[in-house]
Amino acid sequence: MTMTPTKLDLDKAERRLLIDWSDGSRRAYTIAELRDQCPCATCREKADADAQQEPDLLPIISPEEARPLEILGMQPMGSYAYSIEFSDGHDTGIYSLELLSEIGTEV
C-alpha cells in the first residue's frame, strides 16, 4: 500500500515542512534538508562533481543563496510527487512520495 500525504503544514518559525501521512505517521523536513535532497538531474550532477573536487576556499554565492532558505510554493505532480519552489530560485526538483516518506524525521 502506497502512503499518501493527508496534510501539509509549513512551519515558518521552525523553518520546516510537516507532512501527515495516510498511515498515521507525521514527518518533519527542514527546508535545507529538502533543498539538499533535491532529486533533479542538475543537483545530482552537481553533488557528484562536488564530491570529486577539492572544496573552494571562498565560494561565490548569489544574493538569493545568502538569504535564509524558504519554501515559496509546492505543487502536486499528479498523485505521485510534489514540485517545490525554493527562495534561491530552484524549482525543478520533483519529490516523489516515496522519497518524502524516506527522508525527514518522524515527529
PDB file of N, CA and C in Angstrom:
ATOM      1  N   MET A   1       0.842  -1.188   0.000  1.00  0.00           N
ATOM      2  CA  MET A   1       0.000   0.000   0.000  1.00  0.00           C
ATOM      3  C   MET A   1       0.889   1.253   0.000  1.00  0.00           C
ATOM      4  N   THR A   2       0.621   2.150  -0.894  1.00  0.00           N
ATOM      5  CA  THR A   2       1.388   3.379  -1.003  1.00  0.00           C
ATOM      6  C   THR A   2       0.857   4.415  -0.024  1.00  0.00           C
ATOM      7  N   MET A   3       1.780   4.990   0.749  1.00  0.00           N
ATOM      8  CA  MET A   3       1.373   6.056   1.671  1.00  0.00           C
ATOM      9  C   MET A   3       1.161   7.331   0.876  1.00  0.00           C
ATOM     10  N   THR A   4       0.173   8.104   1.312  1.00  0.00           N
ATOM     11  CA  THR A   4      -0.098   9.394   0.688  1.00  0.00           C
ATOM     12  C   THR A   4      -0.207  10.453   1.775  1.00  0.00           C
ATOM     13  N   PRO A   5       0.151  11.686   1.443  1.00  0.00           N
ATOM     14  CA  PRO A   5       0.008  12.768   2.425  1.00  0.00           C
ATOM     15  C   PRO A   5      -1.468  13.068   2.679  1.00  0.00           C
ATOM     16  N   THR A   6      -1.795  13.305   3.924  1.00  0.00           N
ATOM     17  CA  THR A   6      -3.150  13.703   4.278  1.00  0.00           C
ATOM     18  C   THR A   6      -3.208  15.166   4.694  1.00  0.00           C
ATOM     19  N   LYS A   7      -2.034  15.724   5.062  1.00  0.00           N
ATOM     20  CA  LYS A   7      -1.971  17.127   5.479  1.00  0.00           C
ATOM     21  C   LYS A   7      -0.535  17.616   5.346  1.00  0.00           C
ATOM     22  N   LEU A   8      -0.393  18.853   4.841  1.00  0.00           N
ATOM     23  CA  LEU A   8       0.906  19.504   4.751  1.00  0.00           C
ATOM     24  C   LEU A   8       0.834  20.820   5.513  1.00  0.00           C
ATOM     25  N   ASP A   9       1.832  21.092   6.336  1.00  0.00           N
ATOM     26  CA  ASP A   9       1.931  22.351   7.078  1.00  0.00           C
ATOM     27  C   ASP A   9       3.325  22.909   6.910  1.00  0.00           C
ATOM     28  N   LEU A  10       3.408  24.202   6.655  1.00  0.00           N
ATOM     29  CA  LEU A  10       4.695  24.881   6.594  1.00  0.00           C
ATOM     30  C   LEU A  10       4.859  25.669   7.888  1.00  0.00           C
ATOM     31  N   ASP A  11       5.800  25.254   8.708  1.00  0.00           N
ATOM     32  CA  ASP A  11       6.088  25.909   9.983  1.00  0.00           C
ATOM     33  C   ASP A  11       7.227  26.901   9.740  1.00  0.00           C
ATOM     34  N   LYS A  12       6.857  28.151   9.468  1.00  0.00           N
ATOM     35  CA  LYS A  12       7.864  29.164   9.127  1.00  0.00           C
ATOM     36  C   LYS A  12       8.763  29.493  10.310  1.00  0.00           C
ATOM     37  N   ALA A  13       8.231  29.455  11.522  1.00  0.00           N
ATOM     38  CA  ALA A  13       9.033  29.764  12.702  1.00  0.00           C
ATOM     39  C   ALA A  13      10.150  28.740  12.891  1.00  0.00           C
ATOM     40  N   GLU A  14       9.831  27.469  12.677  1.00  0.00           N
ATOM     41  CA  GLU A  14      10.819  26.394  12.833  1.00  0.00           C
ATOM     42  C   GLU A  14      11.546  26.084  11.523  1.00  0.00           C
ATOM     43  N   ARG A  15      11.130  26.755  10.434  1.00  0.00           N
ATOM     44  CA  ARG A  15      11.737  26.573   9.121  1.00  0.00           C
ATOM     45  C   ARG A  15      11.712  25.118   8.679  1.00  0.00           C
ATOM     46  N   ARG A  16      10.485  24.546   8.725  1.00  0.00           N
ATOM     47  CA  ARG A  16      10.347  23.150   8.323  1.00  0.00           C
ATOM     48  C   ARG A  16       8.966  22.879   7.738  1.00  0.00           C
ATOM     49  N   LEU A  17       8.885  21.798   6.988  1.00  0.00           N
ATOM     50  CA  LEU A  17       7.645  21.314   6.417  1.00  0.00           C
ATOM     51  C   LEU A  17       7.217  20.098   7.219  1.00  0.00           C
ATOM     52  N   LEU A  18       5.937  20.036   7.563  1.00  0.00           N
ATOM     53  CA  LEU A  18       5.385  18.889   8.284  1.00  0.00           C
ATOM     54  C   LEU A  18       4.387  18.191   7.368  1.00  0.00           C
ATOM     55  N   ILE A  19       4.510  16.877   7.259  1.00  0.00           N
ATOM     56  CA  ILE A  19       3.581  16.097   6.439  1.00  0.00           C
ATOM     57  C   ILE A  19       2.976  15.003   7.296  1.00  0.00           C
ATOM     58  N   ASP A  20       1.640  14.972   7.334  1.00  0.00           N
ATOM     59  CA  ASP A  20       0.916  13.863   7.944  1.00  0.00           C
ATOM     60  C   ASP A  20       0.659  12.848   6.842  1.00  0.00           C
ATOM     61  N   TRP A  21       0.925  11.573   7.122  1.00  0.00           N
ATOM     62  CA  TRP A  21       0.802  10.515   6.129  1.00  0.00           C
ATOM     63  C   TRP A  21      -0.412   9.629   6.414  1.00  0.00           C
ATOM     64  N   SER A  22      -0.870   8.943   5.388  1.00  0.00           N
ATOM     65  CA  SER A  22      -2.074   8.115   5.476  1.00  0.00           C
ATOM     66  C   SER A  22      -1.931   6.947   6.450  1.00  0.00           C
ATOM     67  N   ASP A  23      -0.710   6.577   6.831  1.00  0.00           N
ATOM     68  CA  ASP A  23      -0.523   5.504   7.814  1.00  0.00           C
ATOM     69  C   ASP A  23      -0.558   6.028   9.248  1.00  0.00           C
ATOM     70  N   GLY A  24      -0.830   7.340   9.409  1.00  0.00           N
ATOM     71  CA  GLY A  24      -0.908   7.943  10.735  1.00  0.00           C
ATOM     72  C   GLY A  24       0.394   8.562  11.206  1.00  0.00           C
ATOM     73  N   SER A  25       1.465   8.396  10.465  1.00  0.00           N
ATOM     74  CA  SER A  25       2.750   8.977  10.873  1.00  0.00           C
ATOM     75  C   SER A  25       2.815  10.450  10.471  1.00  0.00           C
ATOM     76  N   ARG A  26       3.731  11.155  11.103  1.00  0.00           N
ATOM     77  CA  ARG A  26       3.983  12.568  10.783  1.00  0.00           C
ATOM     78  C   ARG A  26       5.482  12.739  10.689  1.00  0.00           C
ATOM     79  N   ARG A  27       5.926  13.375   9.596  1.00  0.00           N
ATOM     80  CA  ARG A  27       7.356  13.590   9.386  1.00  0.00           C
ATOM     81  C   ARG A  27       7.626  15.074   9.237  1.00  0.00           C
ATOM     82  N   ALA A  28       8.794  15.495   9.738  1.00  0.00           N
ATOM     83  CA  ALA A  28       9.244  16.882   9.635  1.00  0.00           C
ATOM     84  C   ALA A  28      10.460  16.923   8.730  1.00  0.00           C
ATOM     85  N   TYR A  29      10.516  17.960   7.886  1.00  0.00           N
ATOM     86  CA  TYR A  29      11.608  18.144   6.934  1.00  0.00           C
ATOM     87  C   TYR A  29      12.099  19.577   7.062  1.00  0.00           C
ATOM     88  N   THR A  30      13.373  19.753   7.378  1.00  0.00           N
ATOM     89  CA  THR A  30      13.875  21.121   7.363  1.00  0.00           C
ATOM     90  C   THR A  30      13.935  21.575   5.913  1.00  0.00           C
ATOM     91  N   ILE A  31      13.813  22.867   5.709  1.00  0.00           N
ATOM     92  CA  ILE A  31      13.846  23.398   4.348  1.00  0.00           C
ATOM     93  C   ILE A  31      15.208  23.116   3.722  1.00  0.00           C
ATOM     94  N   ALA A  32      16.268  23.264   4.496  1.00  0.00           N
ATOM     95  CA  ALA A  32      17.613  22.987   3.982  1.00  0.00           C
ATOM     96  C   ALA A  32      17.762  21.525   3.582  1.00  0.00           C
ATOM     97  N   GLU A  33      17.197  20.625   4.370  1.00  0.00           N
ATOM     98  CA  GLU A  33      17.265  19.196   4.050  1.00  0.00           C
ATOM     99  C   GLU A  33      16.567  18.908   2.722  1.00  0.00           C
ATOM    100  N   LEU A  34      15.383  19.485   2.539  1.00  0.00           N
ATOM    101  CA  LEU A  34      14.665  19.273   1.285  1.00  0.00           C
ATOM    102  C   LEU A  34      15.478  19.795   0.101  1.00  0.00           C
ATOM    103  N   ARG A  35      16.072  20.961   0.251  1.00  0.00           N
ATOM    104  CA  ARG A  35      16.868  21.536  -0.839  1.00  0.00           C
ATOM    105  C   ARG A  35      18.095  20.675  -1.121  1.00  0.00           C
ATOM    106  N   ASP A  36      18.749  20.190  -0.057  1.00  0.00           N
ATOM    107  CA  ASP A  36      19.926  19.343  -0.216  1.00  0.00           C
ATOM    108  C   ASP A  36      19.589  17.995  -0.853  1.00  0.00           C
ATOM    109  N   GLN A  37      18.368  17.529  -0.644  1.00  0.00           N
ATOM    110  CA  GLN A  37      17.934  16.232  -1.173  1.00  0.00           C
ATOM    111  C   GLN A  37      17.276  16.352  -2.545  1.00  0.00           C
ATOM    112  N   CYS A  38      17.379  17.516  -3.179  1.00  0.00           N
ATOM    113  CA  CYS A  38      16.725  17.726  -4.465  1.00  0.00           C
ATOM    114  C   CYS A  38      17.106  16.611  -5.439  1.00  0.00           C
ATOM    115  N   PRO A  39      16.109  15.944  -6.011  1.00  0.00           N
ATOM    116  CA  PRO A  39      16.391  14.817  -6.894  1.00  0.00           C
ATOM    117  C   PRO A  39      16.576  15.175  -8.369  1.00  0.00           C
ATOM    118  N   CYS A  40      16.596  16.463  -8.710  1.00  0.00           N
ATOM    119  CA  CYS A  40      16.702  16.817 -10.130  1.00  0.00           C
ATOM    120  C   CYS A  40      18.084  16.446 -10.672  1.00  0.00           C
ATOM    121  N   ALA A  41      18.184  16.286 -11.979  1.00  0.00           N
ATOM    122  CA  ALA A  41      19.437  15.879 -12.618  1.00  0.00           C
ATOM    123  C   ALA A  41      20.556  16.887 -12.369  1.00  0.00           C
ATOM    124  N   THR A  42      20.241  18.175 -12.412  1.00  0.00           N
ATOM    125  CA  THR A  42      21.264  19.204 -12.200  1.00  0.00           C
ATOM    126  C   THR A  42      21.867  19.092 -10.804  1.00  0.00           C
ATOM    127  N   CYS A  43      21.029  18.935  -9.802  1.00  0.00           N
ATOM    128  CA  CYS A  43      21.533  18.831  -8.424  1.00  0.00           C
ATOM    129  C   CYS A  43      22.302  17.534  -8.202  1.00  0.00           C
ATOM    130  N   ARG A  44      21.842  16.434  -8.792  1.00  0.00           N
ATOM    131  CA  ARG A  44      22.576  15.170  -8.653  1.00  0.00           C
ATOM    132  C   ARG A  44      23.944  15.267  -9.313  1.00  0.00           C
ATOM    133  N   GLU A  45      24.009  15.862 -10.507  1.00  0.00           N
ATOM    134  CA  GLU A  45      25.293  16.025 -11.192  1.00  0.00           C
ATOM    135  C   GLU A  45      26.218  16.944 -10.403  1.00  0.00           C
ATOM    136  N   LYS A  46      25.672  18.025  -9.849  1.00  0.00           N
ATOM    137  CA  LYS A  46      26.481  18.958  -9.062  1.00  0.00           C
ATOM    138  C   LYS A  46      27.027  18.269  -7.812  1.00  0.00           C
ATOM    139  N   ALA A  47      26.199  17.477  -7.139  1.00  0.00           N
ATOM    140  CA  ALA A  47      26.645  16.763  -5.938  1.00  0.00           C
ATOM    141  C   ALA A  47      27.757  15.777  -6.283  1.00  0.00           C
ATOM    142  N   ASP A  48      27.618  15.077  -7.413  1.00  0.00           N
ATOM    143  CA  ASP A  48      28.660  14.135  -7.836  1.00  0.00           C
ATOM    144  C   ASP A  48      29.960  14.870  -8.146  1.00  0.00           C
ATOM    145  N   ALA A  49      29.870  16.004  -8.853  1.00  0.00           N
ATOM    146  CA  ALA A  49      31.052  16.783  -9.206  1.00  0.00           C
ATOM    147  C   ALA A  49      31.708  17.360  -7.953  1.00  0.00           C
ATOM    148  N   ASP A  50      30.903  17.853  -7.013  1.00  0.00           N
ATOM    149  CA  ASP A  50      31.443  18.427  -5.777  1.00  0.00           C
ATOM    150  C   ASP A  50      32.181  17.373  -4.959  1.00  0.00           C
ATOM    151  N   ALA A  51      31.685  16.139  -4.983  1.00  0.00           N
ATOM    152  CA  ALA A  51      32.317  15.068  -4.223  1.00  0.00           C
ATOM    153  C   ALA A  51      33.692  14.714  -4.783  1.00  0.00           C
ATOM    154  N   GLN A  52      33.916  14.994  -6.063  1.00  0.00           N
ATOM    155  CA  GLN A  52      35.181  14.642  -6.709  1.00  0.00           C
ATOM    156  C   GLN A  52      36.184  15.782  -6.708  1.00  0.00           C
ATOM    157  N   GLN A  53      35.769  16.996  -6.361  1.00  0.00           N
ATOM    158  CA  GLN A  53      36.651  18.159  -6.401  1.00  0.00           C
ATOM    159  C   GLN A  53      37.068  18.582  -5.005  1.00  0.00           C
ATOM    160  N   GLU A  54      38.196  19.270  -4.964  1.00  0.00           N
ATOM    161  CA  GLU A  54      38.621  19.896  -3.721  1.00  0.00           C
ATOM    162  C   GLU A  54      37.676  21.052  -3.428  1.00  0.00           C
ATOM    163  N   PRO A  55      37.305  21.280  -2.171  1.00  0.00           N
ATOM    164  CA  PRO A  55      36.399  22.387  -1.864  1.00  0.00           C
ATOM    165  C   PRO A  55      37.048  23.747  -2.137  1.00  0.00           C
ATOM    166  N   ASP A  56      36.248  24.704  -2.625  1.00  0.00           N
ATOM    167  CA  ASP A  56      36.717  26.065  -2.823  1.00  0.00           C
ATOM    168  C   ASP A  56      36.892  26.723  -1.461  1.00  0.00           C
ATOM    169  N   LEU A  57      37.908  27.563  -1.366  1.00  0.00           N
ATOM    170  CA  LEU A  57      38.119  28.272  -0.108  1.00  0.00           C
ATOM    171  C   LEU A  57      37.051  29.331   0.116  1.00  0.00           C
ATOM    172  N   LEU A  58      36.711  30.081  -0.922  1.00  0.00           N
ATOM    173  CA  LEU A  58      35.707  31.126  -0.812  1.00  0.00           C
ATOM    174  C   LEU A  58      34.735  31.013  -1.987  1.00  0.00           C
ATOM    175  N   PRO A  59      33.720  30.162  -1.861  1.00  0.00           N
ATOM    176  CA  PRO A  59      32.786  30.032  -2.975  1.00  0.00           C
ATOM    177  C   PRO A  59      31.988  31.321  -3.162  1.00  0.00           C
ATOM    178  N   ILE A  60      31.664  31.614  -4.395  1.00  0.00           N
ATOM    179  CA  ILE A  60      30.850  32.781  -4.708  1.00  0.00           C
ATOM    180  C   ILE A  60      29.385  32.354  -4.708  1.00  0.00           C
ATOM    181  N   ILE A  61      28.570  33.091  -3.953  1.00  0.00           N
ATOM    182  CA  ILE A  61      27.149  32.765  -3.900  1.00  0.00           C
ATOM    183  C   ILE A  61      26.335  33.977  -4.337  1.00  0.00           C
ATOM    184  N   SER A  62      25.145  33.680  -4.801  1.00  0.00           N
ATOM    185  CA  SER A  62      24.248  34.750  -5.243  1.00  0.00           C
ATOM    186  C   SER A  62      23.566  35.375  -4.031  1.00  0.00           C
ATOM    187  N   PRO A  63      22.979  36.560  -4.193  1.00  0.00           N
ATOM    188  CA  PRO A  63      22.229  37.163  -3.080  1.00  0.00           C
ATOM    189  C   PRO A  63      21.097  36.254  -2.584  1.00  0.00           C
ATOM    190  N   GLU A  64      20.463  35.522  -3.500  1.00  0.00           N
ATOM    191  CA  GLU A  64      19.379  34.617  -3.113  1.00  0.00           C
ATOM    192  C   GLU A  64      19.896  33.497  -2.217  1.00  0.00           C
ATOM    193  N   GLU A  65      21.116  33.009  -2.524  1.00  0.00           N
ATOM    194  CA  GLU A  65      21.700  31.936  -1.727  1.00  0.00           C
ATOM    195  C   GLU A  65      22.144  32.421  -0.355  1.00  0.00           C
ATOM    196  N   ALA A  66      22.406  33.718  -0.207  1.00  0.00           N
ATOM    197  CA  ALA A  66      22.859  34.271   1.061  1.00  0.00           C
ATOM    198  C   ALA A  66      21.712  34.462   2.057  1.00  0.00           C
ATOM    199  N   ARG A  67      20.505  34.574   1.545  1.00  0.00           N
ATOM    200  CA  ARG A  67      19.335  34.750   2.419  1.00  0.00           C
ATOM    201  C   ARG A  67      18.921  33.412   3.020  1.00  0.00           C
ATOM    202  N   PRO A  68      18.211  33.452   4.144  1.00  0.00           N
ATOM    203  CA  PRO A  68      17.686  32.193   4.698  1.00  0.00           C
ATOM    204  C   PRO A  68      16.779  31.513   3.672  1.00  0.00           C
ATOM    205  N   LEU A  69      16.961  30.225   3.508  1.00  0.00           N
ATOM    206  CA  LEU A  69      16.204  29.453   2.531  1.00  0.00           C
ATOM    207  C   LEU A  69      14.754  29.289   2.982  1.00  0.00           C
ATOM    208  N   GLU A  70      13.838  29.482   2.049  1.00  0.00           N
ATOM    209  CA  GLU A  70      12.410  29.328   2.326  1.00  0.00           C
ATOM    210  C   GLU A  70      11.746  28.526   1.219  1.00  0.00           C
ATOM    211  N   ILE A  71      10.598  27.954   1.531  1.00  0.00           N
ATOM    212  CA  ILE A  71       9.756  27.335   0.517  1.00  0.00           C
ATOM    213  C   ILE A  71       8.747  28.389   0.089  1.00  0.00           C
ATOM    214  N   LEU A  72       8.738  28.707  -1.199  1.00  0.00           N
ATOM    215  CA  LEU A  72       7.804  29.694  -1.725  1.00  0.00           C
ATOM    216  C   LEU A  72       6.507  29.054  -2.212  1.00  0.00           C
ATOM    217  N   GLY A  73       6.564  27.790  -2.592  1.00  0.00           N
ATOM    218  CA  GLY A  73       5.369  27.116  -3.064  1.00  0.00           C
ATOM    219  C   GLY A  73       5.607  25.635  -3.290  1.00  0.00           C
ATOM    220  N   MET A  74       4.515  24.884  -3.287  1.00  0.00           N
ATOM    221  CA  MET A  74       4.538  23.449  -3.585  1.00  0.00           C
ATOM    222  C   MET A  74       3.363  23.141  -4.479  1.00  0.00           C
ATOM    223  N   GLN A  75       3.609  22.308  -5.480  1.00  0.00           N
ATOM    224  CA  GLN A  75       2.539  21.907  -6.390  1.00  0.00           C
ATOM    225  C   GLN A  75       2.544  20.389  -6.512  1.00  0.00           C
ATOM    226  N   PRO A  76       1.360  19.761  -6.414  1.00  0.00           N
ATOM    227  CA  PRO A  76       1.325  18.315  -6.657  1.00  0.00           C
ATOM    228  C   PRO A  76       1.645  18.015  -8.116  1.00  0.00           C
ATOM    229  N   MET A  77       2.342  16.939  -8.324  1.00  0.00           N
ATOM    230  CA  MET A  77       2.654  16.450  -9.662  1.00  0.00           C
ATOM    231  C   MET A  77       1.906  15.123  -9.813  1.00  0.00           C
ATOM    232  N   GLY A  78       0.711  15.217 -10.345  1.00  0.00           N
ATOM    233  CA  GLY A  78      -0.128  14.021 -10.408  1.00  0.00           C
ATOM    234  C   GLY A  78      -0.432  13.555  -9.002  1.00  0.00           C
ATOM    235  N   SER A  79      -0.444  12.254  -8.817  1.00  0.00           N
ATOM    236  CA  SER A  79      -0.707  11.699  -7.486  1.00  0.00           C
ATOM    237  C   SER A  79       0.534  11.014  -6.919  1.00  0.00           C
ATOM    238  N   TYR A  80       1.718  11.352  -7.476  1.00  0.00           N
ATOM    239  CA  TYR A  80       2.919  10.625  -7.077  1.00  0.00           C
ATOM    240  C   TYR A  80       4.044  11.503  -6.530  1.00  0.00           C
ATOM    241  N   ALA A  81       3.921  12.850  -6.610  1.00  0.00           N
ATOM    242  CA  ALA A  81       5.057  13.690  -6.223  1.00  0.00           C
ATOM    243  C   ALA A  81       4.638  15.136  -6.010  1.00  0.00           C
ATOM    244  N   TYR A  82       5.600  15.930  -5.511  1.00  0.00           N
ATOM    245  CA  TYR A  82       5.428  17.380  -5.365  1.00  0.00           C
ATOM    246  C   TYR A  82       6.625  18.084  -5.988  1.00  0.00           C
ATOM    247  N   SER A  83       6.354  19.224  -6.583  1.00  0.00           N
ATOM    248  CA  SER A  83       7.391  20.134  -7.045  1.00  0.00           C
ATOM    249  C   SER A  83       7.484  21.239  -5.995  1.00  0.00           C
ATOM    250  N   ILE A  84       8.701  21.572  -5.578  1.00  0.00           N
ATOM    251  CA  ILE A  84       8.900  22.571  -4.529  1.00  0.00           C
ATOM    252  C   ILE A  84       9.684  23.743  -5.107  1.00  0.00           C
ATOM    253  N   GLU A  85       9.182  24.951  -4.868  1.00  0.00           N
ATOM    254  CA  GLU A  85       9.874  26.169  -5.291  1.00  0.00           C
ATOM    255  C   GLU A  85      10.571  26.779  -4.074  1.00  0.00           C
ATOM    256  N   PHE A  86      11.894  26.951  -4.183  1.00  0.00           N
ATOM    257  CA  PHE A  86      12.695  27.487  -3.089  1.00  0.00           C
ATOM    258  C   PHE A  86      13.055  28.944  -3.352  1.00  0.00           C
ATOM    259  N   SER A  87      13.360  29.661  -2.282  1.00  0.00           N
ATOM    260  CA  SER A  87      13.684  31.087  -2.389  1.00  0.00           C
ATOM    261  C   SER A  87      15.017  31.353  -3.088  1.00  0.00           C
ATOM    262  N   ASP A  88      15.844  30.334  -3.282  1.00  0.00           N
ATOM    263  CA  ASP A  88      17.096  30.532  -4.017  1.00  0.00           C
ATOM    264  C   ASP A  88      16.887  30.444  -5.526  1.00  0.00           C
ATOM    265  N   GLY A  89      15.613  30.330  -5.950  1.00  0.00           N
ATOM    266  CA  GLY A  89      15.287  30.286  -7.368  1.00  0.00           C
ATOM    267  C   GLY A  89      15.160  28.885  -7.930  1.00  0.00           C
ATOM    268  N   HIS A  90      15.485  27.871  -7.153  1.00  0.00           N
ATOM    269  CA  HIS A  90      15.428  26.495  -7.652  1.00  0.00           C
ATOM    270  C   HIS A  90      14.002  25.957  -7.559  1.00  0.00           C
ATOM    271  N   ASP A  91      13.531  25.345  -8.657  1.00  0.00           N
ATOM    272  CA  ASP A  91      12.170  24.807  -8.655  1.00  0.00           C
ATOM    273  C   ASP A  91      11.999  23.612  -9.594  1.00  0.00           C
ATOM    274  N   THR A  92      13.091  22.922  -9.927  1.00  0.00           N
ATOM    275  CA  THR A  92      12.987  21.837 -10.899  1.00  0.00           C
ATOM    276  C   THR A  92      12.941  20.446 -10.289  1.00  0.00           C
ATOM    277  N   GLY A  93      13.111  20.336  -8.982  1.00  0.00           N
ATOM    278  CA  GLY A  93      13.087  19.021  -8.352  1.00  0.00           C
ATOM    279  C   GLY A  93      11.667  18.491  -8.212  1.00  0.00           C
ATOM    280  N   ILE A  94      11.490  17.222  -8.531  1.00  0.00           N
ATOM    281  CA  ILE A  94      10.204  16.553  -8.333  1.00  0.00           C
ATOM    282  C   ILE A  94      10.413  15.520  -7.235  1.00  0.00           C
ATOM    283  N   TYR A  95       9.828  15.794  -6.080  1.00  0.00           N
ATOM    284  CA  TYR A  95      10.000  14.967  -4.889  1.00  0.00           C
ATOM    285  C   TYR A  95       8.910  13.900  -4.857  1.00  0.00           C
ATOM    286  N   SER A  96       9.274  12.667  -5.156  1.00  0.00           N
ATOM    287  CA  SER A  96       8.288  11.582  -5.160  1.00  0.00           C
ATOM    288  C   SER A  96       7.791  11.335  -3.739  1.00  0.00           C
ATOM    289  N   LEU A  97       6.595  10.795  -3.630  1.00  0.00           N
ATOM    290  CA  LEU A  97       6.061  10.446  -2.309  1.00  0.00           C
ATOM    291  C   LEU A  97       6.953   9.416  -1.646  1.00  0.00           C
ATOM    292  N   GLU A  98       7.532   8.528  -2.439  1.00  0.00           N
ATOM    293  CA  GLU A  98       8.443   7.528  -1.888  1.00  0.00           C
ATOM    294  C   GLU A  98       9.653   8.194  -1.243  1.00  0.00           C
ATOM    295  N   LEU A  99      10.264   9.170  -1.946  1.00  0.00           N
ATOM    296  CA  LEU A  99      11.409   9.891  -1.392  1.00  0.00           C
ATOM    297  C   LEU A  99      11.002  10.623  -0.116  1.00  0.00           C
ATOM    298  N   LEU A 100       9.882  11.334  -0.155  1.00  0.00           N
ATOM    299  CA  LEU A 100       9.433  12.091   1.020  1.00  0.00           C
ATOM    300  C   LEU A 100       9.139  11.187   2.209  1.00  0.00           C
ATOM    301  N   SER A 101       8.680   9.969   1.956  1.00  0.00           N
ATOM    302  CA  SER A 101       8.386   9.050   3.068  1.00  0.00           C
ATOM    303  C   SER A 101       9.662   8.471   3.669  1.00  0.00           C
ATOM    304  N   GLU A 102      10.791   8.580   2.941  1.00  0.00           N
ATOM    305  CA  GLU A 102      12.049   8.019   3.421  1.00  0.00           C
ATOM    306  C   GLU A 102      12.938   9.046   4.134  1.00  0.00           C
ATOM    307  N   ILE A 103      12.835  10.317   3.743  1.00  0.00           N
ATOM    308  CA  ILE A 103      13.698  11.330   4.367  1.00  0.00           C
ATOM    309  C   ILE A 103      12.924  12.035   5.482  1.00  0.00           C
ATOM    310  N   GLY A 104      13.526  12.996   6.104  1.00  0.00           N
ATOM    311  CA  GLY A 104      12.869  13.705   7.196  1.00  0.00           C
ATOM    312  C   GLY A 104      12.986  12.938   8.498  1.00  0.00           C
ATOM    313  N   THR A 105      12.311  13.460   9.498  1.00  0.00           N
ATOM    314  CA  THR A 105      12.335  12.878  10.831  1.00  0.00           C
ATOM    315  C   THR A 105      10.915  12.672  11.322  1.00  0.00           C
ATOM    316  N   GLU A 106      10.643  11.502  11.873  1.00  0.00           N
ATOM    317  CA  GLU A 106       9.308  11.252  12.418  1.00  0.00           C
ATOM    318  C   GLU A 106       9.119  12.087  13.681  1.00  0.00           C
ATOM    319  N   VAL A 107       7.966  12.740  13.774  1.00  0.00           N
ATOM    320  CA  VAL A 107       7.642  13.544  14.977  1.00  0.00           C
ATOM    321  C   VAL A 107       6.363  13.063  15.601  1.00  0.00           C
TER     322      VAL A 107
END
